[in-house]
Structure formats: C-alpha cells, structure tokens
Amino acid sequence: QVQLVESGGGLVQPGGSLRLSCAASGSIFGINVMGWYRQAPGKERELVANITGFRSKRYADSVKGRFTISRDNAQNTVYLQMNSLKPEDTAVYYCNLKYGVSWSPLSTWGQGTQVTVSS
C-alpha cells in the first residue's frame, strides 16, 4: 500500500515563502509522477505543479516564476518551494502520486496541509 506524508504548511505573510515536503512509501512501480494540487474554499481542486521521475516539470500559470517543484528519487520525496506568496495562494495543498502503467495509472493522495497567506 502506497502512502504519502506531507509537511510544511502554515501561516505566512504576503510576499513570504514556505516549503512543502511529501514523502512516499510502499510498493511504487512503473511511472512515477509526483505533484501538488490545491483546493481553496468553494473551488475545485487544481494542479499546482508536477514532476516526473525524469524530472520533467509542469506548472500552473498562476504559480510560474514563484513556485519550484523538485524531487529526491532516492528518498521518493517531492518538494514545493513557494516564494512571493499571495493571499490567493491560500488553500489546502495535497500531494499526489501517480504510478503504475501510463495508460491507467494508480493515484494516491496525501492528507493535505493548510497554507494560509495573510497579513
């Protein structure tokens, strides 16, 4: 059974920075795409950024130039460095892992971590 454990959320002032971490454990095979999604109150969950095992990255337009996703393959850990945070970045951030076969991947979610950007 694959599990994800997140850490690093909290309260930060506008313009500040936070770093989220997510460690995966269990039987991970095949493709290995780790990513971060977020869900603000009253809104749908949206992709923030993801990174493949070959470190190919994708970002939402709203975070390009401010957020950086990275991973440590040896530790099966993904990081999200968030800089120049804005109040609209406030949301619950969820780690996601897609693994298995590319045409029908399995998907596992973390428990979520709250990020609040407010003065």
C-alpha atoms as a PDB file:
ATOM      1  CA  GLN A   1       0.000   0.000   0.000  1.00  0.00           C
ATOM      2  CA  VAL A   2       1.378   3.377  -1.027  1.00  0.00           C
ATOM      3  CA  GLN A   3       1.223   6.223   1.469  1.00  0.00           C
ATOM      4  CA  LEU A   4       2.092   9.899   1.267  1.00  0.00           C
ATOM      5  CA  VAL A   5       3.072  12.024   4.258  1.00  0.00           C
ATOM      6  CA  GLU A   6       3.089  15.793   3.832  1.00  0.00           C
ATOM      7  CA  SER A   7       4.639  18.530   5.925  1.00  0.00           C
ATOM      8  CA  GLY A   8       5.479  22.207   5.768  1.00  0.00           C
ATOM      9  CA  GLY A   9       2.237  24.151   5.619  1.00  0.00           C
ATOM     10  CA  GLY A  10       1.410  27.111   7.826  1.00  0.00           C
ATOM     11  CA  LEU A  11       0.648  30.799   8.046  1.00  0.00           C
ATOM     12  CA  VAL A  12       2.811  33.268   6.163  1.00  0.00           C
ATOM     13  CA  GLN A  13       2.570  36.937   5.262  1.00  0.00           C
ATOM     14  CA  PRO A  14       2.146  38.053   1.660  1.00  0.00           C
ATOM     15  CA  GLY A  15       5.498  38.013  -0.091  1.00  0.00           C
ATOM     16  CA  GLY A  16       6.796  35.293   2.196  1.00  0.00           C
ATOM     17  CA  SER A  17       7.955  31.766   1.469  1.00  0.00           C
ATOM     18  CA  LEU A  18       7.082  28.232   2.500  1.00  0.00           C
ATOM     19  CA  ARG A  19       8.430  24.830   1.552  1.00  0.00           C
ATOM     20  CA  LEU A  20       6.195  21.780   1.391  1.00  0.00           C
ATOM     21  CA  SER A  21       7.505  18.224   1.520  1.00  0.00           C
ATOM     22  CA  CYS A  22       5.847  14.934   0.676  1.00  0.00           C
ATOM     23  CA  ALA A  23       7.416  11.530   1.281  1.00  0.00           C
ATOM     24  CA  ALA A  24       6.070   8.433  -0.447  1.00  0.00           C
ATOM     25  CA  SER A  25       6.401   4.903   0.858  1.00  0.00           C
ATOM     26  CA  GLY A  26       5.210   1.494  -0.254  1.00  0.00           C
ATOM     27  CA  SER A  27       5.299  -0.506  -3.459  1.00  0.00           C
ATOM     28  CA  ILE A  28       5.718   2.105  -6.169  1.00  0.00           C
ATOM     29  CA  PHE A  29       6.231   0.764  -9.675  1.00  0.00           C
ATOM     30  CA  GLY A  30       6.011   1.904 -13.268  1.00  0.00           C
ATOM     31  CA  ILE A  31       5.553   5.580 -13.973  1.00  0.00           C
ATOM     32  CA  ASN A  32       6.228   7.842 -11.033  1.00  0.00           C
ATOM     33  CA  VAL A  33       4.729  11.308 -11.277  1.00  0.00           C
ATOM     34  CA  MET A  34       4.583  13.320  -8.075  1.00  0.00           C
ATOM     35  CA  GLY A  35       2.696  16.551  -7.838  1.00  0.00           C
ATOM     36  CA  TRP A  36       0.955  19.140  -5.746  1.00  0.00           C
ATOM     37  CA  TYR A  37      -2.657  20.176  -6.049  1.00  0.00           C
ATOM     38  CA  ARG A  38      -4.567  22.749  -4.038  1.00  0.00           C
ATOM     39  CA  GLN A  39      -8.146  23.415  -3.140  1.00  0.00           C
ATOM     40  CA  ALA A  40      -9.418  26.722  -1.843  1.00  0.00           C
ATOM     41  CA  PRO A  41     -12.809  27.037  -0.130  1.00  0.00           C
ATOM     42  CA  GLY A  42     -15.617  26.869  -2.655  1.00  0.00           C
ATOM     43  CA  LYS A  43     -13.279  25.994  -5.517  1.00  0.00           C
ATOM     44  CA  GLU A  44     -12.295  22.824  -7.316  1.00  0.00           C
ATOM     45  CA  ARG A  45      -9.005  21.107  -6.685  1.00  0.00           C
ATOM     46  CA  GLU A  46      -6.411  22.281  -9.192  1.00  0.00           C
ATOM     47  CA  LEU A  47      -2.963  21.217 -10.259  1.00  0.00           C
ATOM     48  CA  VAL A  48      -0.184  23.417  -8.922  1.00  0.00           C
ATOM     49  CA  ALA A  49       2.833  21.560 -10.273  1.00  0.00           C
ATOM     50  CA  ASN A  50       4.049  18.069 -11.019  1.00  0.00           C
ATOM     51  CA  ILE A  51       7.334  16.351 -11.798  1.00  0.00           C
ATOM     52  CA  THR A  52       8.113  13.035 -13.427  1.00  0.00           C
ATOM     53  CA  GLY A  53      10.782  10.555 -12.424  1.00  0.00           C
ATOM     54  CA  PHE A  54      12.922  12.085 -15.167  1.00  0.00           C
ATOM     55  CA  ARG A  55      12.334  15.499 -13.594  1.00  0.00           C
ATOM     56  CA  SER A  56      10.149  16.875 -16.347  1.00  0.00           C
ATOM     57  CA  LYS A  57       8.079  19.608 -14.710  1.00  0.00           C
ATOM     58  CA  ARG A  58       4.754  21.287 -15.289  1.00  0.00           C
ATOM     59  CA  TYR A  59       3.366  24.344 -13.512  1.00  0.00           C
ATOM     60  CA  ALA A  60       0.036  26.108 -13.340  1.00  0.00           C
ATOM     61  CA  ASP A  61       0.254  29.523 -14.981  1.00  0.00           C
ATOM     62  CA  SER A  62      -0.679  31.185 -11.698  1.00  0.00           C
ATOM     63  CA  VAL A  63       2.476  29.948  -9.948  1.00  0.00           C
ATOM     64  CA  LYS A  64       5.078  30.063 -12.721  1.00  0.00           C
ATOM     65  CA  GLY A  65       8.125  32.024 -11.655  1.00  0.00           C
ATOM     66  CA  ARG A  66       7.160  31.852  -7.968  1.00  0.00           C
ATOM     67  CA  PHE A  67       6.944  28.130  -7.144  1.00  0.00           C
ATOM     68  CA  THR A  68       9.550  25.461  -7.787  1.00  0.00           C
ATOM     69  CA  ILE A  69       8.916  21.734  -7.654  1.00  0.00           C
ATOM     70  CA  SER A  70      11.753  19.277  -7.126  1.00  0.00           C
ATOM     71  CA  ARG A  71      12.223  15.691  -6.065  1.00  0.00           C
ATOM     72  CA  ASP A  72      14.673  13.311  -4.473  1.00  0.00           C
ATOM     73  CA  ASN A  73      14.214   9.990  -6.238  1.00  0.00           C
ATOM     74  CA  ALA A  74      16.316   8.078  -3.721  1.00  0.00           C
ATOM     75  CA  GLN A  75      14.022   9.234  -0.917  1.00  0.00           C
ATOM     76  CA  ASN A  76      10.812   9.214  -3.003  1.00  0.00           C
ATOM     77  CA  THR A  77      10.197  12.738  -1.776  1.00  0.00           C
ATOM     78  CA  VAL A  78       8.826  15.743  -3.610  1.00  0.00           C
ATOM     79  CA  TYR A  79       9.207  19.353  -2.545  1.00  0.00           C
ATOM     80  CA  LEU A  80       7.368  22.544  -3.399  1.00  0.00           C
ATOM     81  CA  GLN A  81       9.251  25.762  -2.736  1.00  0.00           C
ATOM     82  CA  MET A  82       6.748  28.604  -2.696  1.00  0.00           C
ATOM     83  CA  ASN A  83       8.075  32.153  -2.909  1.00  0.00           C
ATOM     84  CA  SER A  84       6.371  35.523  -3.260  1.00  0.00           C
ATOM     85  CA  LEU A  85       3.217  34.053  -1.793  1.00  0.00           C
ATOM     86  CA  LYS A  86      -0.066  35.849  -2.373  1.00  0.00           C
ATOM     87  CA  PRO A  87      -3.356  35.714  -0.468  1.00  0.00           C
ATOM     88  CA  GLU A  88      -4.867  33.865  -3.426  1.00  0.00           C
ATOM     89  CA  ASP A  89      -2.416  31.025  -2.803  1.00  0.00           C
ATOM     90  CA  THR A  90      -4.325  30.236   0.388  1.00  0.00           C
ATOM     91  CA  ALA A  91      -5.639  26.688   0.135  1.00  0.00           C
ATOM     92  CA  VAL A  92      -5.227  23.144   1.342  1.00  0.00           C
ATOM     93  CA  TYR A  93      -2.326  21.676  -0.590  1.00  0.00           C
ATOM     94  CA  TYR A  94      -2.433  17.980  -1.449  1.00  0.00           C
ATOM     95  CA  CYS A  95       0.417  15.785  -2.557  1.00  0.00           C
ATOM     96  CA  ASN A  96      -0.370  13.280  -5.301  1.00  0.00           C
ATOM     97  CA  LEU A  97       1.487  10.301  -6.701  1.00  0.00           C
ATOM     98  CA  LYS A  98       0.590   8.614  -9.970  1.00  0.00           C
ATOM     99  CA  TYR A  99       2.262   5.259 -10.543  1.00  0.00           C
ATOM    100  CA  GLY A 100       1.823   2.012 -12.411  1.00  0.00           C
ATOM    101  CA  VAL A 101       1.079   1.793 -16.117  1.00  0.00           C
ATOM    102  CA  SER A 102       0.897   5.018 -18.100  1.00  0.00           C
ATOM    103  CA  TRP A 103      -2.459   4.240 -19.780  1.00  0.00           C
ATOM    104  CA  SER A 104      -4.227   3.568 -16.492  1.00  0.00           C
ATOM    105  CA  PRO A 105      -2.153   4.882 -13.600  1.00  0.00           C
ATOM    106  CA  LEU A 106      -2.941   4.403  -9.954  1.00  0.00           C
ATOM    107  CA  SER A 107      -3.290   7.539  -7.859  1.00  0.00           C
ATOM    108  CA  THR A 108      -2.663   8.188  -4.186  1.00  0.00           C
ATOM    109  CA  TRP A 109      -3.310  11.381  -2.226  1.00  0.00           C
ATOM    110  CA  GLY A 110      -1.781  12.829   0.877  1.00  0.00           C
ATOM    111  CA  GLN A 111      -3.861  14.086   3.782  1.00  0.00           C
ATOM    112  CA  GLY A 112      -3.455  17.743   2.828  1.00  0.00           C
ATOM    113  CA  THR A 113      -1.671  20.628   4.505  1.00  0.00           C
ATOM    114  CA  GLN A 114      -3.100  24.098   5.025  1.00  0.00           C
ATOM    115  CA  VAL A 115      -1.298  27.094   3.565  1.00  0.00           C
ATOM    116  CA  THR A 116      -2.625  30.479   4.631  1.00  0.00           C
ATOM    117  CA  VAL A 117      -1.228  33.704   3.224  1.00  0.00           C
ATOM    118  CA  SER A 118      -2.423  36.659   5.241  1.00  0.00           C
ATOM    119  CA  SER A 119      -1.151  39.771   6.953  1.00  0.00           C
END
